[in-house]
C-alpha atoms as a PDB file:
ATOM      1  CA  MET A   1       0.000   0.000   0.000  1.00  0.00           C
ATOM      2  CA  ASN A   2       1.532   3.331  -1.030  1.00  0.00           C
ATOM      3  CA  GLN A   3       1.556   6.528   1.018  1.00  0.00           C
ATOM      4  CA  HIS A   4      -1.198   8.215  -1.010  1.00  0.00           C
ATOM      5  CA  THR A   5      -3.492   5.231  -0.489  1.00  0.00           C
ATOM      6  CA  ARG A   6      -2.840   5.246   3.255  1.00  0.00           C
ATOM      7  CA  LYS A   7      -3.699   8.949   3.424  1.00  0.00           C
ATOM      8  CA  THR A   8      -6.939   8.504   1.461  1.00  0.00           C
ATOM      9  CA  LEU A   9      -7.890   5.423   3.466  1.00  0.00           C
ATOM     10  CA  ALA A  10      -7.290   7.205   6.785  1.00  0.00           C
ATOM     11  CA  SER A  11      -9.420  10.147   5.657  1.00  0.00           C
ATOM     12  CA  ILE A  12     -12.333   7.947   4.551  1.00  0.00           C
ATOM     13  CA  VAL A  13     -12.539   6.025   7.830  1.00  0.00           C
ATOM     14  CA  GLY A  14     -11.745   9.053  10.005  1.00  0.00           C
ATOM     15  CA  HIS A  15     -14.030  11.342  11.976  1.00  0.00           C
ATOM     16  CA  PRO A  16     -15.840  13.284  10.687  1.00  0.00           C
ATOM     17  CA  ALA A  17     -16.490  11.783   7.256  1.00  0.00           C
ATOM     18  CA  PRO A  18     -14.611  13.689   4.534  1.00  0.00           C
ATOM     19  CA  ARG A  19     -16.384  15.742   1.885  1.00  0.00           C
ATOM     20  CA  ASP A  20     -13.292  16.572  -0.162  1.00  0.00           C
ATOM     21  CA  ILE A  21     -12.049  13.189  -1.430  1.00  0.00           C
ATOM     22  CA  LEU A  22     -11.415  13.482  -5.169  1.00  0.00           C
ATOM     23  CA  TRP A  23     -12.826  10.792  -7.429  1.00  0.00           C
ATOM     24  CA  THR A  24      -9.345  10.201  -8.869  1.00  0.00           C
ATOM     25  CA  GLN A  25      -7.963   9.606  -5.350  1.00  0.00           C
ATOM     26  CA  PHE A  26     -10.845   7.248  -4.676  1.00  0.00           C
ATOM     27  CA  ILE A  27     -10.119   5.166  -7.782  1.00  0.00           C
ATOM     28  CA  SER A  28      -6.410   5.086  -7.032  1.00  0.00           C
ATOM     29  CA  MET A  29      -7.056   3.784  -3.511  1.00  0.00           C
ATOM     30  CA  TRP A  30      -9.252   0.940  -4.722  1.00  0.00           C
ATOM     31  CA  ASP A  31      -6.763   0.067  -7.478  1.00  0.00           C
ATOM     32  CA  ASP A  32      -4.167  -0.369  -4.732  1.00  0.00           C
ATOM     33  CA  ILE A  33      -6.137  -2.443  -2.197  1.00  0.00           C
ATOM     34  CA  ALA A  34      -9.269  -3.988  -3.763  1.00  0.00           C
ATOM     35  CA  ASP A  35      -9.552  -7.481  -5.227  1.00  0.00           C
ATOM     36  CA  GLU A  36     -11.259  -6.227  -8.393  1.00  0.00           C
ATOM     37  CA  VAL A  37     -11.931  -2.745  -9.787  1.00  0.00           C
ATOM     38  CA  ASP A  38     -14.019  -2.058 -12.876  1.00  0.00           C
ATOM     39  CA  GLN A  39     -14.757   1.429 -14.203  1.00  0.00           C
ATOM     40  CA  GLU A  40     -18.162   0.868 -15.721  1.00  0.00           C
ATOM     41  CA  HIS A  41     -20.006   2.999 -18.270  1.00  0.00           C
ATOM     42  CA  GLY A  42     -21.547   6.245 -17.007  1.00  0.00           C
ATOM     43  CA  ASP A  43     -19.052   7.211 -14.289  1.00  0.00           C
ATOM     44  CA  ARG A  44     -19.737   4.069 -12.279  1.00  0.00           C
ATOM     45  CA  LEU A  45     -17.003   2.322 -10.334  1.00  0.00           C
ATOM     46  CA  ALA A  46     -17.526  -1.313  -9.341  1.00  0.00           C
ATOM     47  CA  VAL A  47     -15.298  -2.574  -6.533  1.00  0.00           C
ATOM     48  CA  LYS A  48     -15.032  -6.105  -5.176  1.00  0.00           C
ATOM     49  CA  MET A  49     -13.304  -6.748  -1.864  1.00  0.00           C
ATOM     50  CA  ASN A  50     -13.414  -9.576   0.682  1.00  0.00           C
ATOM     51  CA  GLY A  51     -16.234 -11.244  -1.231  1.00  0.00           C
ATOM     52  CA  HIS A  52     -18.410  -8.120  -1.304  1.00  0.00           C
ATOM     53  CA  ARG A  53     -19.187  -5.874  -4.273  1.00  0.00           C
ATOM     54  CA  GLU A  54     -20.144  -2.199  -4.238  1.00  0.00           C
ATOM     55  CA  VAL A  55     -20.867   0.242  -7.070  1.00  0.00           C
ATOM     56  CA  PHE A  56     -19.947   3.901  -6.588  1.00  0.00           C
ATOM     57  CA  HIS A  57     -21.148   6.854  -8.661  1.00  0.00           C
ATOM     58  CA  ARG A  58     -19.017   9.844  -9.663  1.00  0.00           C
ATOM     59  CA  GLN A  59     -20.524  13.232  -8.808  1.00  0.00           C
ATOM     60  CA  HIS A  60     -20.480  16.175 -11.202  1.00  0.00           C
ATOM     61  CA  ASP A  61     -18.004  18.093  -9.016  1.00  0.00           C
ATOM     62  CA  GLY A  62     -15.476  15.250  -9.147  1.00  0.00           C
ATOM     63  CA  ARG A  63     -15.670  14.497  -5.432  1.00  0.00           C
ATOM     64  CA  VAL A  64     -16.943  11.436  -3.601  1.00  0.00           C
ATOM     65  CA  SER A  65     -20.413  11.782  -2.065  1.00  0.00           C
ATOM     66  CA  ILE A  66     -21.094  11.219   1.639  1.00  0.00           C
ATOM     67  CA  GLY A  67     -23.303   8.291   0.677  1.00  0.00           C
ATOM     68  CA  ASP A  68     -20.450   6.612  -1.189  1.00  0.00           C
ATOM     69  CA  ILE A  69     -18.088   7.336   1.713  1.00  0.00           C
ATOM     70  CA  GLU A  70     -20.443   5.338   3.956  1.00  0.00           C
ATOM     71  CA  HIS A  71     -20.592   2.492   1.426  1.00  0.00           C
ATOM     72  CA  ALA A  72     -16.796   2.555   1.186  1.00  0.00           C
ATOM     73  CA  ARG A  73     -16.536   2.298   4.964  1.00  0.00           C
ATOM     74  CA  GLN A  74     -18.743  -0.773   4.916  1.00  0.00           C
ATOM     75  CA  LEU A  75     -16.550  -2.365   2.266  1.00  0.00           C
ATOM     76  CA  LEU A  76     -13.396  -1.474   4.205  1.00  0.00           C
ATOM     77  CA  LYS A  77     -14.530  -2.487   7.678  1.00  0.00           C
ATOM     78  CA  ASP A  78     -12.659  -5.811   7.618  1.00  0.00           C
ATOM     79  CA  HIS A  79      -9.459  -4.368   6.182  1.00  0.00           C
ATOM     80  CA  PRO A  80      -6.523  -5.361   8.451  1.00  0.00           C
ATOM     81  CA  ASP A  81      -5.109  -1.826   8.572  1.00  0.00           C
ATOM     82  CA  LEU A  82      -8.359  -0.570  10.137  1.00  0.00           C
ATOM     83  CA  LYS A  83      -8.567  -2.930  13.084  1.00  0.00           C
ATOM     84  CA  GLY A  84      -8.452  -1.213  16.455  1.00  0.00           C
ATOM     85  CA  SER A  85      -9.655  -1.591  20.010  1.00  0.00           C
ATOM     86  CA  GLY A  86     -10.522   0.383  23.100  1.00  0.00           C
ATOM     87  CA  ASP A  87     -13.208   2.655  21.637  1.00  0.00           C
ATOM     88  CA  MET A  88     -16.921   2.687  22.339  1.00  0.00           C
ATOM     89  CA  PHE A  89     -19.506   4.892  20.656  1.00  0.00           C
ATOM     90  CA  VAL A  90     -22.817   5.597  22.365  1.00  0.00           C
ATOM     91  CA  VAL A  91     -25.948   7.417  21.209  1.00  0.00           C
ATOM     92  CA  ALA A  92     -28.049   8.659  24.143  1.00  0.00           C
ATOM     93  CA  MET A  93     -31.330  10.139  22.963  1.00  0.00           C
ATOM     94  CA  ASP A  94     -34.730  11.362  23.994  1.00  0.00           C
ATOM     95  CA  SER A  95     -37.431  13.088  21.933  1.00  0.00           C
ATOM     96  CA  GLU A  96     -35.576  16.412  22.021  1.00  0.00           C
ATOM     97  CA  LYS A  97     -31.869  15.685  21.661  1.00  0.00           C
ATOM     98  CA  ALA A  98     -29.409  12.948  20.815  1.00  0.00           C
ATOM     99  CA  ARG A  99     -25.853  12.872  22.117  1.00  0.00           C
ATOM    100  CA  VAL A 100     -23.222  10.899  20.239  1.00  0.00           C
ATOM    101  CA  LEU A 101     -20.376  10.130  22.648  1.00  0.00           C
ATOM    102  CA  HIS A 102     -16.995   8.568  22.009  1.00  0.00           C
ATOM    103  CA  PHE A 103     -15.393   6.755  24.947  1.00  0.00           C
ATOM    104  CA  ASN A 104     -11.784   5.586  24.952  1.00  0.00           C
ATOM    105  CA  LEU A 105     -11.891   2.494  27.145  1.00  0.00           C
ATOM    106  CA  ASP A 106      -8.095   2.299  27.364  1.00  0.00           C
ATOM    107  CA  THR A 107      -7.985   5.391  29.580  1.00  0.00           C
ATOM    108  CA  PRO A 108      -9.755   6.091  32.883  1.00  0.00           C
ATOM    109  CA  GLU A 109     -11.000   9.481  31.720  1.00  0.00           C
ATOM    110  CA  VAL A 110     -14.275  10.008  29.900  1.00  0.00           C
ATOM    111  CA  ALA A 111     -13.615  11.348  26.413  1.00  0.00           C
ATOM    112  CA  ASP A 112     -14.743  14.907  25.752  1.00  0.00           C
ATOM    113  CA  THR A 113     -15.724  14.246  22.143  1.00  0.00           C
ATOM    114  CA  GLU A 114     -19.448  14.394  21.512  1.00  0.00           C
ATOM    115  CA  HIS A 115     -21.806  15.684  18.873  1.00  0.00           C
ATOM    116  CA  ASP A 116     -25.278  16.931  19.705  1.00  0.00           C
ATOM    117  CA  VAL A 117     -28.161  16.538  17.285  1.00  0.00           C
ATOM    118  CA  ILE A 118     -31.092  18.600  18.460  1.00  0.00           C
ATOM    119  CA  ASN A 119     -34.723  18.504  17.453  1.00  0.00           C
ATOM    120  CA  HIS A 120     -35.034  22.287  17.098  1.00  0.00           C
ATOM    121  CA  ASP A 121     -38.791  22.302  16.446  1.00  0.00           C
ATOM    122  CA  LYS A 122     -40.023  23.298  19.923  1.00  0.00           C
ATOM    123  CA  VAL A 123     -43.607  23.542  18.698  1.00  0.00           C
ATOM    124  CA  ALA A 124     -43.409  19.925  17.581  1.00  0.00           C
ATOM    125  CA  HIS A 125     -42.996  18.819  21.182  1.00  0.00           C
ATOM    126  CA  HIS A 126     -46.406  20.217  22.033  1.00  0.00           C
ATOM    127  CA  ILE A 127     -47.851  18.817  18.802  1.00  0.00           C
ATOM    128  CA  ARG A 128     -46.480  15.383  19.615  1.00  0.00           C
ATOM    129  CA  THR A 129     -48.132  15.430  23.031  1.00  0.00           C
ATOM    130  CA  VAL A 130     -51.448  16.496  21.595  1.00  0.00           C
ATOM    131  CA  THR A 131     -51.275  14.135  18.625  1.00  0.00           C
ATOM    132  CA  ARG A 132     -50.597  11.100  20.766  1.00  0.00           C
ATOM    133  CA  ARG A 133     -53.560  11.928  22.950  1.00  0.00           C
ATOM    134  CA  THR A 134     -55.894  12.423  19.994  1.00  0.00           C
ATOM    135  CA  GLY A 135     -54.581   9.437  18.073  1.00  0.00           C
ATOM    136  CA  HIS A 136     -53.422  11.386  15.010  1.00  0.00           C
ATOM    137  CA  ASP A 137     -50.319  10.321  13.083  1.00  0.00           C
ATOM    138  CA  ASP A 138     -47.225  12.215  14.282  1.00  0.00           C
ATOM    139  CA  ASP A 139     -44.488  10.178  12.565  1.00  0.00           C
ATOM    140  CA  GLN A 140     -43.336  12.998  10.287  1.00  0.00           C
ATOM    141  CA  VAL A 141     -42.386  15.130  13.289  1.00  0.00           C
ATOM    142  CA  PHE A 142     -39.533  12.746  14.043  1.00  0.00           C
ATOM    143  CA  VAL A 143     -38.397  11.957  10.503  1.00  0.00           C
ATOM    144  CA  LYS A 144     -36.004  14.906  10.073  1.00  0.00           C
ATOM    145  CA  TYR A 145     -34.653  14.470  13.605  1.00  0.00           C
ATOM    146  CA  PHE A 146     -33.912  10.779  12.995  1.00  0.00           C
ATOM    147  CA  ASP A 147     -32.454  11.440   9.546  1.00  0.00           C
ATOM    148  CA  ASP A 148     -30.167  14.193  10.898  1.00  0.00           C
ATOM    149  CA  LEU A 149     -28.955  11.789  13.568  1.00  0.00           C
ATOM    150  CA  ALA A 150     -28.255   9.115  10.945  1.00  0.00           C
ATOM    151  CA  VAL A 151     -26.159  11.585   8.919  1.00  0.00           C
ATOM    152  CA  THR A 152     -24.216  12.527  12.058  1.00  0.00           C
ATOM    153  CA  LEU A 153     -23.470   8.868  12.780  1.00  0.00           C
ATOM    154  CA  ILE A 154     -22.275   8.329   9.215  1.00  0.00           C
ATOM    155  CA  GLU A 155     -19.951  11.321   9.520  1.00  0.00           C
ATOM    156  CA  ASP A 156     -18.711  10.817  13.072  1.00  0.00           C
ATOM    157  CA  ILE A 157     -18.235   7.130  13.885  1.00  0.00           C
ATOM    158  CA  GLY A 158     -16.767   5.660  10.719  1.00  0.00           C
ATOM    159  CA  THR A 159     -17.136   1.892  10.562  1.00  0.00           C
ATOM    160  CA  GLU A 160     -17.589   1.450  14.305  1.00  0.00           C
ATOM    161  CA  ASP A 161     -20.538  -0.194  16.053  1.00  0.00           C
ATOM    162  CA  PHE A 162     -22.470   1.812  18.643  1.00  0.00           C
ATOM    163  CA  VAL A 163     -24.769   1.359  21.631  1.00  0.00           C
ATOM    164  CA  LEU A 164     -28.139   3.119  21.593  1.00  0.00           C
ATOM    165  CA  LEU A 165     -29.633   4.361  24.865  1.00  0.00           C
ATOM    166  CA  GLY A 166     -33.170   5.756  25.066  1.00  0.00           C
ATOM    167  CA  HIS A 167     -34.561   7.933  27.835  1.00  0.00           C
ATOM    168  CA  GLY A 168     -36.240   6.014  30.661  1.00  0.00           C
ATOM    169  CA  ARG A 169     -39.124   8.324  31.554  1.00  0.00           C
ATOM    170  CA  GLY A 170     -41.945   8.294  29.063  1.00  0.00           C
ATOM    171  CA  ASN A 171     -39.762   8.526  25.954  1.00  0.00           C
ATOM    172  CA  SER A 172     -38.003   5.169  25.865  1.00  0.00           C
ATOM    173  CA  ASP A 173     -39.834   4.332  22.628  1.00  0.00           C
ATOM    174  CA  VAL A 174     -38.003   7.095  20.749  1.00  0.00           C
ATOM    175  CA  ALA A 175     -34.902   4.886  20.528  1.00  0.00           C
ATOM    176  CA  ASP A 176     -36.967   2.009  19.143  1.00  0.00           C
ATOM    177  CA  ASP A 177     -38.547   4.368  16.619  1.00  0.00           C
ATOM    178  CA  PHE A 178     -35.091   5.546  15.568  1.00  0.00           C
ATOM    179  CA  VAL A 179     -34.010   1.929  15.025  1.00  0.00           C
ATOM    180  CA  LYS A 180     -37.056   1.341  12.800  1.00  0.00           C
ATOM    181  CA  ARG A 181     -36.293   4.467  10.774  1.00  0.00           C
ATOM    182  CA  LEU A 182     -32.625   3.524  10.461  1.00  0.00           C
ATOM    183  CA  LYS A 183     -33.545   0.090   9.122  1.00  0.00           C
ATOM    184  CA  GLU A 184     -35.580   1.833   6.419  1.00  0.00           C
ATOM    185  CA  ILE A 185     -33.058   4.459   5.303  1.00  0.00           C
ATOM    186  CA  ASN A 186     -29.703   2.818   6.047  1.00  0.00           C
ATOM    187  CA  PRO A 187     -29.793  -0.924   6.840  1.00  0.00           C
ATOM    188  CA  PRO A 188     -25.965  -1.262   6.980  1.00  0.00           C
ATOM    189  CA  LEU A 189     -25.808   1.445   9.662  1.00  0.00           C
ATOM    190  CA  ALA A 190     -28.683  -0.181  11.568  1.00  0.00           C
ATOM    191  CA  LYS A 191     -26.716  -3.442  11.656  1.00  0.00           C
ATOM    192  CA  ARG A 192     -23.934  -1.641  13.515  1.00  0.00           C
ATOM    193  CA  ILE A 193     -26.153  -1.146  16.573  1.00  0.00           C
ATOM    194  CA  ALA A 194     -24.374  -3.290  19.153  1.00  0.00           C
ATOM    195  CA  GLY A 195     -27.178  -3.057  21.704  1.00  0.00           C
ATOM    196  CA  VAL A 196     -30.152  -0.980  22.839  1.00  0.00           C
ATOM    197  CA  GLY A 197     -31.003   0.023  26.391  1.00  0.00           C
ATOM    198  CA  VAL A 198     -32.833   2.548  28.557  1.00  0.00           C
ATOM    199  CA  ILE A 199     -31.397   5.162  30.901  1.00  0.00           C
ATOM    200  CA  ASP A 200     -32.771   8.203  32.725  1.00  0.00           C
ATOM    201  CA  LEU A 201     -30.880  10.881  30.815  1.00  0.00           C
ATOM    202  CA  SER A 202     -32.096  13.642  33.116  1.00  0.00           C
ATOM    203  CA  ALA A 203     -30.028  12.135  35.927  1.00  0.00           C
ATOM    204  CA  ALA A 204     -27.183  10.503  33.997  1.00  0.00           C
ATOM    205  CA  ASN A 205     -23.763  12.064  33.498  1.00  0.00           C
ATOM    206  CA  ASP A 206     -21.277  10.848  30.896  1.00  0.00           C
ATOM    207  CA  ALA A 207     -19.748   8.327  33.301  1.00  0.00           C
ATOM    208  CA  ALA A 208     -23.173   6.783  33.957  1.00  0.00           C
ATOM    209  CA  ILE A 209     -23.867   6.620  30.232  1.00  0.00           C
ATOM    210  CA  GLU A 210     -20.520   4.905  29.674  1.00  0.00           C
ATOM    211  CA  ALA A 211     -21.238   2.369  32.437  1.00  0.00           C
ATOM    212  CA  ALA A 212     -24.722   1.597  31.084  1.00  0.00           C
ATOM    213  CA  ALA A 213     -23.422   1.112  27.566  1.00  0.00           C
ATOM    214  CA  GLN A 214     -20.547  -1.067  28.734  1.00  0.00           C
ATOM    215  CA  LYS A 215     -22.972  -3.299  30.651  1.00  0.00           C
ATOM    216  CA  ILE A 216     -25.051  -3.772  27.495  1.00  0.00           C
ATOM    217  CA  LEU A 217     -21.941  -4.822  25.586  1.00  0.00           C
ATOM    218  CA  ASP A 218     -20.836  -7.172  28.376  1.00  0.00           C
ATOM    219  CA  ASP A 219     -24.281  -8.795  28.582  1.00  0.00           C
ATOM    220  CA  ALA A 220     -24.256  -9.351  24.826  1.00  0.00           C
ATOM    221  CA  LYS A 221     -21.008 -11.348  24.935  1.00  0.00           C
END
C-alpha cells in the first residue's frame, strides 16, 4: 500500500467523514487495495473486496459523495489496517436531543468528544403530546430528527458499532422508533447497533452513560 493510499484510506474512515475526497484519489485507492476494480459505463465504479461488491457513482463536481463514503466504509470495515480496540460509541437520545459520545476504554478518563443533534422544532414537542392523545399520526415530526442523527453517525463514527440508549421516563420508545427508521433508510448502519437500552438521561452524566453502555456490551457477549 503506497503513502497516497494510506492517506486517502485514513481520511475515509476518520471522523468526521470527509467531503473533499477526489474521485481520482478514490479510484487510485481501490486500485491499490481492492480485489477487483471495474470502471463501468456512465461514471460508475464497481469494486469487489473480501467477497463483497459495491458500485460507486461519480458526482459532477469530481468528489466522492457522503453516501459513497459510507458504502466505502462498509466495504473497508474488515481491512486489516483498520482494526483497532478500546473505543466505544454511544448514542443517548430522547425526543428532544441525541448525544453521540466517544469513549476511549483504554484510559480512565471520559472522552470529551461528543456531537449533539437537536430537534429544534419546539412547537413539535407540544404537537407530539397532543397528537398522541388524539390518536393522530405524528411520525413525520420525528423523521427529520432521525435522519439528521443518521447523517451525524455516518460522519462521526466511521465503521464502528455503537450502543443506543433511550430515555427512561416516558420517551423510551423514541430509541426504538429511531431503530425502525434507520432500518428503512440505512440498513448497513442499523446493523452496527451493538445493543439498545434505557437510561434516565435527566439524571445521567457521561460516566453513567458509559457504564450503562458497557454493561449492554458485556451482557451481549
